């Protein structure tokens, strides 16, 4: 925008000089000089900002690489810790028990644990017995009280209405 204004004002100043209006040409020359100086200042600012932006971008990239390196190092450390733990367990097992004894101990631990699904089924059966829904269903089927379930007869009656 500043360049466009400078170019326009330069053209007008040249016309003023040709027409002999030296005072207007002088004013235009002063304005052009100020705009050119402003343009130089702006360009210097842009150049400094570009340099700072490049430095900042480089710094961010270095930081990003460092974070990636740290994450990879953490993964390697965890893997090494797991391997050392497994080696330690293997060493303890090899010194304290035979493979058959270890296998039997594992089976005993697995078999000895309660099955959560079995426990849930048992609790559901107990709850069903306590809330007497089975009795309500049998009484409804015998004609005592409203039905607790939708039956095919109900659907047919609804469709024929």
Protein backbone atom coordinates (compact mmCIF):
# COMPACT_ATOMS: atom_id res chain seq x y z
CA UNK A 1 0.00 0.00 0.00
CA UNK A 2 2.86 2.37 0.86
CA UNK A 3 4.55 1.59 -2.47
CA UNK A 4 1.33 2.25 -4.35
CA UNK A 5 0.87 5.59 -2.61
CA UNK A 6 4.51 6.50 -3.31
CA UNK A 7 4.15 5.61 -6.98
CA UNK A 8 0.92 7.58 -7.33
CA UNK A 9 2.35 10.62 -5.56
CA UNK A 10 5.53 10.44 -7.70
CA UNK A 11 3.44 10.55 -10.87
CA UNK A 12 1.47 13.52 -9.58
CA UNK A 13 4.66 15.33 -8.50
CA UNK A 14 6.10 14.90 -12.01
CA UNK A 15 2.93 16.36 -13.49
CA UNK A 16 3.11 19.29 -11.04
CA UNK A 17 6.74 19.95 -12.04
CA UNK A 18 5.80 19.95 -15.74
CA UNK A 19 2.90 22.31 -15.03
CA UNK A 20 5.20 24.66 -13.07
CA UNK A 21 3.60 24.13 -9.65
CA UNK A 22 6.85 23.95 -7.71
CA UNK A 23 5.22 24.35 -4.28
CA UNK A 24 2.96 21.30 -4.81
CA UNK A 25 5.89 19.37 -6.25
CA UNK A 26 7.96 20.26 -3.13
CA UNK A 27 5.16 19.05 -0.81
CA UNK A 28 4.90 15.84 -2.81
CA UNK A 29 8.68 15.36 -2.65
CA UNK A 30 8.61 15.78 1.17
CA UNK A 31 5.76 13.23 1.45
CA UNK A 32 7.56 10.81 -0.89
CA UNK A 33 10.75 11.11 1.18
CA UNK A 34 8.81 10.37 4.41
CA UNK A 35 7.09 7.36 2.81
CA UNK A 36 10.38 5.99 1.48
CA UNK A 37 11.97 6.36 4.93
CA UNK A 38 8.94 4.66 6.50
CA UNK A 39 9.24 1.89 3.94
CA UNK A 40 12.91 1.38 4.88
CA UNK A 41 12.02 1.24 8.58
CA UNK A 42 9.22 -1.25 7.89
CA UNK A 43 11.52 -3.43 5.77
CA UNK A 44 14.11 -3.45 8.55
CA UNK A 45 11.43 -4.49 11.03
CA UNK A 46 10.26 -7.26 8.71
CA UNK A 47 13.84 -8.48 8.27
CA UNK A 48 14.40 -8.57 12.06
CA UNK A 49 11.12 -10.41 12.60
CA UNK A 50 12.04 -12.94 9.90
CA UNK A 51 15.38 -13.55 11.64
CA UNK A 52 13.70 -13.93 15.04
CA UNK A 53 11.07 -16.22 13.53
CA UNK A 54 13.77 -18.42 12.00
CA UNK A 55 15.62 -18.62 15.33
CA UNK A 56 12.41 -19.41 17.21
CA UNK A 57 11.43 -22.10 14.69
CA UNK A 58 14.88 -23.65 15.03
CA UNK A 59 14.63 -23.56 18.82
CA UNK A 60 11.20 -25.22 18.75
CA UNK A 61 12.49 -27.95 16.42
CA UNK A 62 15.43 -28.62 18.75
CA UNK A 63 13.05 -28.81 21.72
CA UNK A 64 10.76 -31.16 19.80
CA UNK A 65 13.68 -33.43 18.92
CA UNK A 66 14.77 -33.44 22.56
CA UNK A 67 11.25 -34.44 23.69
CA UNK A 68 11.24 -37.29 21.16
CA UNK A 69 14.67 -38.42 22.37
CA UNK A 70 13.48 -38.33 25.98
CA UNK A 71 10.37 -40.36 25.16
CA UNK A 72 12.46 -42.96 23.35
CA UNK A 73 14.86 -43.09 26.28
CA UNK A 74 11.95 -43.61 28.68
CA UNK A 75 10.63 -46.46 26.55
CA UNK A 76 14.05 -48.09 26.48
CA UNK A 77 14.40 -47.70 30.25
CA UNK A 78 11.00 -49.34 30.84
CA UNK A 79 11.88 -52.20 28.52
CA UNK A 80 15.18 -52.72 30.32
CA UNK A 81 13.44 -52.62 33.72
CA UNK A 82 10.90 -55.24 32.56
CA UNK A 83 13.65 -57.45 31.19
CA UNK A 84 15.61 -57.16 34.44
CA UNK A 85 12.48 -58.00 36.43
CA UNK A 86 11.77 -61.04 34.29
CA UNK A 87 15.40 -62.14 34.54
CA UNK A 88 15.22 -61.78 38.31
CA UNK A 89 12.00 -63.81 38.49
CA UNK A 90 13.48 -66.46 36.21
CA UNK A 91 16.62 -66.63 38.32
CA UNK A 92 14.56 -66.96 41.51
CA UNK A 93 12.41 -69.67 39.94
CA UNK A 94 15.38 -71.55 38.58
CA UNK A 95 17.02 -71.57 41.99
CA UNK A 96 13.96 -72.22 44.15
CA UNK A 97 11.64 -74.53 42.18
CA UNK A 98 11.57 -76.95 39.33
CA UNK A 99 9.61 -76.10 36.21
CA UNK A 100 6.92 -78.62 37.21
CA UNK A 101 6.58 -77.08 40.69
CA UNK A 102 6.29 -73.60 39.17
CA UNK A 103 3.63 -74.80 36.70
CA UNK A 104 1.65 -76.44 39.50
CA UNK A 105 1.82 -73.28 41.59
CA UNK A 106 0.53 -71.26 38.64
CA UNK A 107 -2.35 -73.71 38.09
CA UNK A 108 -3.22 -73.57 41.78
CA UNK A 109 -3.28 -69.76 41.72
CA UNK A 110 -5.51 -69.66 38.62
CA UNK A 111 -7.89 -72.40 39.80
CA UNK A 112 -8.05 -70.96 43.30
CA UNK A 113 -9.31 -67.58 42.12
CA UNK A 114 -13.04 -66.89 42.08
CA UNK A 115 -14.64 -66.53 38.68
CA UNK A 116 -16.32 -63.09 38.54
CA UNK A 117 -18.84 -64.26 35.92
CA UNK A 118 -19.87 -67.20 38.05
CA UNK A 119 -20.27 -64.88 41.04
CA UNK A 120 -22.46 -62.51 38.98
CA UNK A 121 -24.70 -65.40 37.87
CA UNK A 122 -25.10 -66.62 41.44
CA UNK A 123 -26.02 -63.12 42.63
CA UNK A 124 -28.52 -62.72 39.78
CA UNK A 125 -30.18 -66.04 40.74
CA UNK A 126 -30.36 -64.98 44.38
CA UNK A 127 -31.87 -61.61 43.44
CA UNK A 128 -34.42 -63.26 41.14
CA UNK A 129 -35.49 -65.51 43.99
CA UNK A 130 -35.83 -62.60 46.38
CA UNK A 131 -37.89 -60.30 44.18
CA UNK A 132 -40.47 -63.03 43.33
CA UNK A 133 -40.80 -62.07 39.66
CA UNK A 134 -41.22 -65.73 38.80
CA UNK A 135 -44.30 -65.91 41.05
CA UNK A 136 -45.80 -62.80 39.45
CA UNK A 137 -45.33 -64.33 35.98
CA UNK A 138 -47.01 -67.60 37.03
CA UNK A 139 -49.94 -65.77 38.65
CA UNK A 140 -50.44 -63.57 35.56
CA UNK A 141 -50.43 -66.65 33.32
CA UNK A 142 -53.10 -68.18 35.59
CA UNK A 143 -55.25 -65.09 35.03
CA UNK A 144 -54.59 -63.30 38.31
CA UNK A 145 -53.66 -59.68 37.58
CA UNK A 146 -52.30 -58.02 34.45
CA UNK A 147 -49.73 -59.81 32.30
CA UNK A 148 -46.10 -59.04 33.06
CA UNK A 149 -45.05 -59.69 29.45
CA UNK A 150 -46.43 -58.90 26.03
CA UNK A 151 -47.83 -62.06 24.47
CA UNK A 152 -48.61 -63.00 20.90
CA UNK A 153 -52.32 -62.82 21.86
CA UNK A 154 -51.85 -59.16 22.92
CA UNK A 155 -50.22 -58.32 19.59
CA UNK A 156 -53.00 -60.06 17.59
CA UNK A 157 -55.71 -58.26 19.60
CA UNK A 158 -53.97 -54.92 18.93
CA UNK A 159 -53.64 -55.65 15.20
CA UNK A 160 -57.31 -56.61 14.78
CA UNK A 161 -58.64 -53.43 16.40
